Amino acid sequence: MSLTTTPGYVRCAMPFGANDHCDFAAMHATIHHLIYLLS
């Protein structure tokens, strides 16, 4: 979880800069990364 949370949180903080959107963006980014790796 740490590996996926760290990049997602950092990426979210830079483009969005909002705490509310950060959680959603982080989860969305994490899911996309997992799907990309699995594909």
PDB file of N, CA and C in Angstrom:
ATOM      1  N   MET A   1       0.833  -1.203   0.000  1.00  0.00           N
ATOM      2  CA  MET A   1       0.000   0.000   0.000  1.00  0.00           C
ATOM      3  C   MET A   1       0.873   1.261   0.000  1.00  0.00           C
ATOM      4  N   SER A   2       1.976   1.211   0.713  1.00  0.00           N
ATOM      5  CA  SER A   2       2.843   2.382   0.810  1.00  0.00           C
ATOM      6  C   SER A   2       3.374   2.791  -0.565  1.00  0.00           C
ATOM      7  N   LEU A   3       3.783   1.792  -1.343  1.00  0.00           N
ATOM      8  CA  LEU A   3       4.354   2.087  -2.656  1.00  0.00           C
ATOM      9  C   LEU A   3       3.332   2.757  -3.564  1.00  0.00           C
ATOM     10  N   THR A   4       2.083   2.302  -3.518  1.00  0.00           N
ATOM     11  CA  THR A   4       1.059   2.861  -4.396  1.00  0.00           C
ATOM     12  C   THR A   4       0.533   4.181  -3.854  1.00  0.00           C
ATOM     13  N   THR A   5       0.510   4.336  -2.536  1.00  0.00           N
ATOM     14  CA  THR A   5      -0.028   5.559  -1.936  1.00  0.00           C
ATOM     15  C   THR A   5       0.927   6.733  -2.113  1.00  0.00           C
ATOM     16  N   THR A   6       2.225   6.487  -1.986  1.00  0.00           N
ATOM     17  CA  THR A   6       3.205   7.569  -2.067  1.00  0.00           C
ATOM     18  C   THR A   6       3.173   8.285  -3.421  1.00  0.00           C
ATOM     19  N   PRO A   7       3.333   7.585  -4.546  1.00  0.00           N
ATOM     20  CA  PRO A   7       3.313   8.256  -5.851  1.00  0.00           C
ATOM     21  C   PRO A   7       1.964   8.888  -6.142  1.00  0.00           C
ATOM     22  N   GLY A   8       0.878   8.218  -5.774  1.00  0.00           N
ATOM     23  CA  GLY A   8      -0.454   8.754  -6.028  1.00  0.00           C
ATOM     24  C   GLY A   8      -0.680  10.047  -5.270  1.00  0.00           C
ATOM     25  N   TYR A   9      -0.257  10.073  -4.019  1.00  0.00           N
ATOM     26  CA  TYR A   9      -0.453  11.267  -3.190  1.00  0.00           C
ATOM     27  C   TYR A   9       0.380  12.433  -3.714  1.00  0.00           C
ATOM     28  N   VAL A  10       1.638  12.146  -4.059  1.00  0.00           N
ATOM     29  CA  VAL A  10       2.529  13.196  -4.561  1.00  0.00           C
ATOM     30  C   VAL A  10       1.998  13.764  -5.870  1.00  0.00           C
ATOM     31  N   ARG A  11       1.606  12.889  -6.773  1.00  0.00           N
ATOM     32  CA  ARG A  11       1.094  13.331  -8.077  1.00  0.00           C
ATOM     33  C   ARG A  11      -0.167  14.162  -7.894  1.00  0.00           C
ATOM     34  N   CYS A  12      -1.018  13.733  -6.971  1.00  0.00           N
ATOM     35  CA  CYS A  12      -2.278  14.422  -6.743  1.00  0.00           C
ATOM     36  C   CYS A  12      -2.039  15.808  -6.168  1.00  0.00           C
ATOM     37  N   ALA A  13      -1.096  15.926  -5.259  1.00  0.00           N
ATOM     38  CA  ALA A  13      -0.822  17.201  -4.597  1.00  0.00           C
ATOM     39  C   ALA A  13      -0.297  18.241  -5.589  1.00  0.00           C
ATOM     40  N   MET A  14       0.421  17.779  -6.615  1.00  0.00           N
ATOM     41  CA  MET A  14       1.014  18.726  -7.555  1.00  0.00           C
ATOM     42  C   MET A  14       0.002  19.310  -8.544  1.00  0.00           C
ATOM     43  N   PRO A  15      -0.725  18.493  -9.320  1.00  0.00           N
ATOM     44  CA  PRO A  15      -1.668  19.026 -10.297  1.00  0.00           C
ATOM     45  C   PRO A  15      -2.946  19.570  -9.662  1.00  0.00           C
ATOM     46  N   PHE A  16      -3.495  18.856  -8.680  1.00  0.00           N
ATOM     47  CA  PHE A  16      -4.752  19.293  -8.072  1.00  0.00           C
ATOM     48  C   PHE A  16      -4.510  20.303  -6.952  1.00  0.00           C
ATOM     49  N   GLY A  17      -3.738  19.910  -5.948  1.00  0.00           N
ATOM     50  CA  GLY A  17      -3.468  20.811  -4.835  1.00  0.00           C
ATOM     51  C   GLY A  17      -4.654  20.910  -3.889  1.00  0.00           C
ATOM     52  N   ALA A  18      -5.609  19.976  -3.997  1.00  0.00           N
ATOM     53  CA  ALA A  18      -6.779  19.992  -3.116  1.00  0.00           C
ATOM     54  C   ALA A  18      -6.857  18.683  -2.344  1.00  0.00           C
ATOM     55  N   ASN A  19      -7.153  18.770  -1.062  1.00  0.00           N
ATOM     56  CA  ASN A  19      -7.219  17.561  -0.234  1.00  0.00           C
ATOM     57  C   ASN A  19      -8.384  16.672  -0.655  1.00  0.00           C
ATOM     58  N   ASP A  20      -9.543  17.258  -0.911  1.00  0.00           N
ATOM     59  CA  ASP A  20     -10.722  16.474  -1.290  1.00  0.00           C
ATOM     60  C   ASP A  20     -10.469  15.703  -2.578  1.00  0.00           C
ATOM     61  N   HIS A  21      -9.940  16.392  -3.584  1.00  0.00           N
ATOM     62  CA  HIS A  21      -9.695  15.737  -4.866  1.00  0.00           C
ATOM     63  C   HIS A  21      -8.502  14.799  -4.782  1.00  0.00           C
ATOM     64  N   CYS A  22      -7.640  15.041  -3.812  1.00  0.00           N
ATOM     65  CA  CYS A  22      -6.427  14.231  -3.691  1.00  0.00           C
ATOM     66  C   CYS A  22      -6.778  12.768  -3.468  1.00  0.00           C
ATOM     67  N   ASP A  23      -7.687  12.489  -2.539  1.00  0.00           N
ATOM     68  CA  ASP A  23      -8.058  11.096  -2.261  1.00  0.00           C
ATOM     69  C   ASP A  23      -8.606  10.415  -3.509  1.00  0.00           C
ATOM     70  N   PHE A  24      -9.540  11.072  -4.168  1.00  0.00           N
ATOM     71  CA  PHE A  24     -10.158  10.487  -5.359  1.00  0.00           C
ATOM     72  C   PHE A  24      -9.123  10.286  -6.463  1.00  0.00           C
ATOM     73  N   ALA A  25      -8.312  11.291  -6.706  1.00  0.00           N
ATOM     74  CA  ALA A  25      -7.294  11.206  -7.755  1.00  0.00           C
ATOM     75  C   ALA A  25      -6.275  10.120  -7.425  1.00  0.00           C
ATOM     76  N   ALA A  26      -5.888  10.038  -6.167  1.00  0.00           N
ATOM     77  CA  ALA A  26      -4.891   9.043  -5.761  1.00  0.00           C
ATOM     78  C   ALA A  26      -5.417   7.639  -6.011  1.00  0.00           C
ATOM     79  N   MET A  27      -6.669   7.395  -5.623  1.00  0.00           N
ATOM     80  CA  MET A  27      -7.246   6.066  -5.829  1.00  0.00           C
ATOM     81  C   MET A  27      -7.397   5.772  -7.314  1.00  0.00           C
ATOM     82  N   HIS A  28      -7.858   6.764  -8.068  1.00  0.00           N
ATOM     83  CA  HIS A  28      -8.044   6.576  -9.505  1.00  0.00           C
ATOM     84  C   HIS A  28      -6.701   6.278 -10.167  1.00  0.00           C
ATOM     85  N   ALA A  29      -5.682   7.038  -9.791  1.00  0.00           N
ATOM     86  CA  ALA A  29      -4.346   6.837 -10.362  1.00  0.00           C
ATOM     87  C   ALA A  29      -3.814   5.457  -9.997  1.00  0.00           C
ATOM     88  N   THR A  30      -4.049   5.057  -8.745  1.00  0.00           N
ATOM     89  CA  THR A  30      -3.566   3.750  -8.287  1.00  0.00           C
ATOM     90  C   THR A  30      -4.213   2.636  -9.088  1.00  0.00           C
ATOM     91  N   ILE A  31      -5.535   2.737  -9.296  1.00  0.00           N
ATOM     92  CA  ILE A  31      -6.264   1.715 -10.053  1.00  0.00           C
ATOM     93  C   ILE A  31      -5.721   1.640 -11.476  1.00  0.00           C
ATOM     94  N   HIS A  32      -5.504   2.813 -12.090  1.00  0.00           N
ATOM     95  CA  HIS A  32      -4.995   2.847 -13.464  1.00  0.00           C
ATOM     96  C   HIS A  32      -3.615   2.198 -13.530  1.00  0.00           C
ATOM     97  N   HIS A  33      -2.767   2.494 -12.537  1.00  0.00           N
ATOM     98  CA  HIS A  33      -1.419   1.922 -12.511  1.00  0.00           C
ATOM     99  C   HIS A  33      -1.488   0.409 -12.396  1.00  0.00           C
ATOM    100  N   LEU A  34      -2.380  -0.080 -11.524  1.00  0.00           N
ATOM    101  CA  LEU A  34      -2.512  -1.525 -11.335  1.00  0.00           C
ATOM    102  C   LEU A  34      -2.981  -2.183 -12.628  1.00  0.00           C
ATOM    103  N   ILE A  35      -3.965  -1.577 -13.278  1.00  0.00           N
ATOM    104  CA  ILE A  35      -4.496  -2.138 -14.523  1.00  0.00           C
ATOM    105  C   ILE A  35      -3.399  -2.143 -15.591  1.00  0.00           C
ATOM    106  N   TYR A  36      -2.637  -1.047 -15.659  1.00  0.00           N
ATOM    107  CA  TYR A  36      -1.574  -0.944 -16.651  1.00  0.00           C
ATOM    108  C   TYR A  36      -0.516  -2.021 -16.421  1.00  0.00           C
ATOM    109  N   LEU A  37      -0.162  -2.229 -15.154  1.00  0.00           N
ATOM    110  CA  LEU A  37       0.845  -3.242 -14.835  1.00  0.00           C
ATOM    111  C   LEU A  37       0.320  -4.639 -15.127  1.00  0.00           C
ATOM    112  N   LEU A  38      -0.949  -4.873 -14.833  1.00  0.00           N
ATOM    113  CA  LEU A  38      -1.539  -6.194 -15.046  1.00  0.00           C
ATOM    114  C   LEU A  38      -1.716  -6.488 -16.535  1.00  0.00           C
ATOM    115  N   SER A  39      -2.024  -5.454 -17.294  1.00  0.00           N
ATOM    116  CA  SER A  39      -2.287  -5.679 -18.720  1.00  0.00           C
ATOM    117  C   SER A  39      -1.056  -6.236 -19.405  1.00  0.00           C
TER     118      SER A  39
END
